[in-house]
Amino acid sequence: MTGFASSEEVAVGLADTGPYLLEDAMKEVGGDYQKGSDFEPYVVTDGLLVMGWNPASAARAAKVLPENMAQSKVA
């Protein structure tokens, strides 16, 4: 899974606004959390599942999904 990194939440001053930090919570329960550099695009794919790390990843995720669908012959 991917999502905002704890370091990004700290950098924008939002680390204390929610009940937990996603990265930390996922790691605590054994999740396969992946990330790239802070505030940069990062996309993870698993078959047709496409996950973007943060809003900067939207364009890349939008490009990857139809490519994956074409490879899987899903229309």
N, C-alpha and C. Protein backbone atom coordinates (compact mmCIF):
# COMPACT_ATOMS: atom_id res chain seq x y z
N MET A 1 0.84 -1.17 0.00
CA MET A 1 0.00 0.00 0.00
C MET A 1 0.89 1.23 0.00
N THR A 2 0.34 2.32 -0.46
CA THR A 2 1.07 3.57 -0.43
C THR A 2 0.13 4.68 0.01
N GLY A 3 0.67 5.75 0.47
CA GLY A 3 -0.12 6.90 0.94
C GLY A 3 0.84 7.93 1.48
N PHE A 4 0.32 9.03 2.01
CA PHE A 4 1.20 10.07 2.52
C PHE A 4 2.19 9.48 3.53
N ALA A 5 3.44 9.88 3.38
CA ALA A 5 4.49 9.44 4.30
C ALA A 5 4.41 10.24 5.59
N SER A 6 4.84 9.64 6.66
CA SER A 6 4.88 10.34 7.95
C SER A 6 5.73 11.60 7.84
N SER A 7 6.82 11.54 7.10
CA SER A 7 7.70 12.70 6.95
C SER A 7 6.99 13.84 6.20
N GLU A 8 6.10 13.51 5.27
CA GLU A 8 5.34 14.55 4.58
C GLU A 8 4.34 15.20 5.53
N GLU A 9 3.67 14.39 6.33
CA GLU A 9 2.70 14.92 7.29
C GLU A 9 3.39 15.87 8.27
N VAL A 10 4.58 15.49 8.73
CA VAL A 10 5.35 16.35 9.64
C VAL A 10 5.75 17.64 8.92
N ALA A 11 6.21 17.53 7.68
CA ALA A 11 6.69 18.69 6.93
C ALA A 11 5.62 19.76 6.72
N VAL A 12 4.36 19.33 6.56
CA VAL A 12 3.28 20.31 6.33
C VAL A 12 2.53 20.65 7.61
N GLY A 13 2.99 20.13 8.74
CA GLY A 13 2.40 20.47 10.02
C GLY A 13 1.09 19.77 10.33
N LEU A 14 0.85 18.62 9.71
CA LEU A 14 -0.41 17.90 9.93
C LEU A 14 -0.26 16.61 10.72
N ALA A 15 0.92 16.34 11.22
CA ALA A 15 1.18 15.07 11.91
C ALA A 15 0.31 14.88 13.14
N ASP A 16 -0.09 15.95 13.78
CA ASP A 16 -0.87 15.84 15.01
C ASP A 16 -2.37 16.07 14.81
N THR A 17 -2.83 16.14 13.56
CA THR A 17 -4.24 16.47 13.32
C THR A 17 -5.14 15.24 13.21
N GLY A 18 -4.58 14.08 13.02
CA GLY A 18 -5.38 12.87 12.91
C GLY A 18 -5.08 11.89 14.02
N PRO A 19 -5.82 10.80 14.03
CA PRO A 19 -5.62 9.82 15.10
C PRO A 19 -4.33 9.00 14.95
N TYR A 20 -3.78 8.96 13.74
CA TYR A 20 -2.55 8.21 13.49
C TYR A 20 -1.94 8.68 12.18
N LEU A 21 -0.69 8.30 11.96
CA LEU A 21 -0.02 8.54 10.69
C LEU A 21 -0.12 7.25 9.88
N LEU A 22 -0.59 7.35 8.65
CA LEU A 22 -0.84 6.17 7.83
C LEU A 22 0.39 5.28 7.70
N GLU A 23 1.53 5.86 7.37
CA GLU A 23 2.75 5.05 7.19
C GLU A 23 3.06 4.26 8.46
N ASP A 24 3.04 4.93 9.59
CA ASP A 24 3.36 4.26 10.86
C ASP A 24 2.35 3.17 11.17
N ALA A 25 1.06 3.47 10.99
CA ALA A 25 0.02 2.49 11.29
C ALA A 25 0.12 1.26 10.39
N MET A 26 0.39 1.47 9.12
CA MET A 26 0.52 0.32 8.20
C MET A 26 1.71 -0.55 8.58
N LYS A 27 2.82 0.07 8.91
CA LYS A 27 4.00 -0.70 9.29
C LYS A 27 3.77 -1.47 10.59
N GLU A 28 3.04 -0.86 11.53
CA GLU A 28 2.78 -1.52 12.82
C GLU A 28 2.00 -2.82 12.66
N VAL A 29 1.14 -2.90 11.66
CA VAL A 29 0.34 -4.12 11.46
C VAL A 29 0.91 -5.01 10.37
N GLY A 30 2.16 -4.73 9.95
CA GLY A 30 2.83 -5.60 8.99
C GLY A 30 2.51 -5.30 7.54
N GLY A 31 1.96 -4.12 7.26
CA GLY A 31 1.63 -3.76 5.88
C GLY A 31 2.88 -3.54 5.05
N ASP A 32 2.74 -3.75 3.75
CA ASP A 32 3.82 -3.53 2.80
C ASP A 32 3.71 -2.09 2.31
N TYR A 33 4.15 -1.15 3.12
CA TYR A 33 4.07 0.27 2.80
C TYR A 33 5.28 0.64 1.95
N GLN A 34 5.02 1.30 0.82
CA GLN A 34 6.10 1.72 -0.06
C GLN A 34 5.99 3.21 -0.31
N LYS A 35 7.13 3.85 -0.51
CA LYS A 35 7.13 5.29 -0.77
C LYS A 35 8.34 5.68 -1.59
N GLY A 36 8.27 6.88 -2.14
CA GLY A 36 9.38 7.47 -2.86
C GLY A 36 9.86 8.69 -2.09
N SER A 37 10.43 9.64 -2.80
CA SER A 37 10.89 10.88 -2.17
C SER A 37 9.69 11.75 -1.80
N ASP A 38 9.80 12.47 -0.71
CA ASP A 38 8.71 13.32 -0.25
C ASP A 38 8.21 14.26 -1.35
N PHE A 39 6.89 14.32 -1.49
CA PHE A 39 6.19 15.21 -2.40
C PHE A 39 6.46 14.96 -3.87
N GLU A 40 7.05 13.84 -4.20
CA GLU A 40 7.31 13.46 -5.59
C GLU A 40 6.34 12.36 -6.00
N PRO A 41 6.05 12.24 -7.31
CA PRO A 41 5.16 11.17 -7.77
C PRO A 41 5.74 9.79 -7.47
N TYR A 42 4.86 8.88 -7.08
CA TYR A 42 5.25 7.49 -6.83
C TYR A 42 4.00 6.64 -7.02
N VAL A 43 4.08 5.66 -7.90
CA VAL A 43 2.93 4.81 -8.21
C VAL A 43 3.34 3.35 -8.05
N VAL A 44 2.49 2.57 -7.42
CA VAL A 44 2.69 1.14 -7.24
C VAL A 44 1.57 0.41 -7.97
N THR A 45 1.92 -0.63 -8.72
CA THR A 45 0.91 -1.42 -9.41
C THR A 45 1.01 -2.88 -9.03
N ASP A 46 -0.13 -3.53 -9.05
CA ASP A 46 -0.21 -4.97 -8.83
C ASP A 46 -1.35 -5.45 -9.71
N GLY A 47 -1.02 -5.91 -10.89
CA GLY A 47 -2.07 -6.26 -11.84
C GLY A 47 -2.83 -5.00 -12.23
N LEU A 48 -4.14 -5.03 -12.07
CA LEU A 48 -4.95 -3.86 -12.40
C LEU A 48 -5.05 -2.86 -11.25
N LEU A 49 -4.54 -3.21 -10.09
CA LEU A 49 -4.56 -2.29 -8.96
C LEU A 49 -3.45 -1.26 -9.13
N VAL A 50 -3.82 0.01 -9.12
CA VAL A 50 -2.87 1.11 -9.27
C VAL A 50 -3.07 2.04 -8.09
N MET A 51 -2.00 2.28 -7.33
CA MET A 51 -2.09 3.17 -6.17
C MET A 51 -1.08 4.29 -6.31
N GLY A 52 -1.56 5.52 -6.13
CA GLY A 52 -0.69 6.68 -6.14
C GLY A 52 -0.38 7.11 -4.71
N TRP A 53 0.82 7.54 -4.49
CA TRP A 53 1.29 7.88 -3.16
C TRP A 53 0.68 9.17 -2.65
N ASN A 54 0.59 10.18 -3.49
CA ASN A 54 0.11 11.49 -3.06
C ASN A 54 -0.51 12.19 -4.27
N PRO A 55 -1.07 13.37 -4.13
CA PRO A 55 -1.68 14.04 -5.28
C PRO A 55 -0.73 14.23 -6.47
N ALA A 56 0.55 14.36 -6.22
CA ALA A 56 1.52 14.51 -7.31
C ALA A 56 1.59 13.25 -8.17
N SER A 57 1.07 12.14 -7.68
CA SER A 57 1.11 10.87 -8.40
C SER A 57 -0.08 10.67 -9.34
N ALA A 58 -1.05 11.56 -9.31
CA ALA A 58 -2.30 11.36 -10.06
C ALA A 58 -2.06 11.20 -11.56
N ALA A 59 -1.25 12.04 -12.16
CA ALA A 59 -1.02 11.96 -13.60
C ALA A 59 -0.37 10.64 -13.98
N ARG A 60 0.62 10.22 -13.22
CA ARG A 60 1.30 8.95 -13.52
C ARG A 60 0.35 7.77 -13.33
N ALA A 61 -0.45 7.80 -12.28
CA ALA A 61 -1.41 6.71 -12.05
C ALA A 61 -2.43 6.66 -13.18
N ALA A 62 -2.88 7.82 -13.63
CA ALA A 62 -3.85 7.87 -14.73
C ALA A 62 -3.26 7.32 -16.02
N LYS A 63 -1.97 7.47 -16.21
CA LYS A 63 -1.31 6.94 -17.41
C LYS A 63 -1.09 5.43 -17.30
N VAL A 64 -0.76 4.96 -16.12
CA VAL A 64 -0.44 3.55 -15.91
C VAL A 64 -1.68 2.65 -16.02
N LEU A 65 -2.81 3.10 -15.50
CA LEU A 65 -4.00 2.25 -15.48
C LEU A 65 -4.40 1.76 -16.87
N PRO A 66 -4.59 2.62 -17.88
CA PRO A 66 -4.97 2.09 -19.19
C PRO A 66 -3.90 1.20 -19.81
N GLU A 67 -2.63 1.48 -19.52
CA GLU A 67 -1.55 0.62 -20.01
C GLU A 67 -1.69 -0.77 -19.41
N ASN A 68 -1.95 -0.85 -18.11
CA ASN A 68 -2.14 -2.16 -17.46
C ASN A 68 -3.37 -2.86 -17.99
N MET A 69 -4.45 -2.11 -18.21
CA MET A 69 -5.67 -2.71 -18.75
C MET A 69 -5.44 -3.28 -20.14
N ALA A 70 -4.67 -2.56 -20.97
CA ALA A 70 -4.37 -3.05 -22.32
C ALA A 70 -3.55 -4.34 -22.27
N GLN A 71 -2.60 -4.39 -21.36
CA GLN A 71 -1.77 -5.59 -21.21
C GLN A 71 -2.59 -6.77 -20.72
N SER A 72 -3.61 -6.48 -19.90
CA SER A 72 -4.46 -7.54 -19.35
C SER A 72 -5.64 -7.85 -20.23
N LYS A 73 -5.75 -7.11 -21.35
CA LYS A 73 -6.85 -7.27 -22.31
C LYS A 73 -8.21 -7.05 -21.65
N VAL A 74 -8.27 -6.07 -20.74
CA VAL A 74 -9.51 -5.70 -20.08
C VAL A 74 -9.99 -4.40 -20.72
N ALA A 75 -11.23 -4.37 -21.09
CA ALA A 75 -11.76 -3.13 -21.71
C ALA A 75 -13.02 -2.70 -21.00
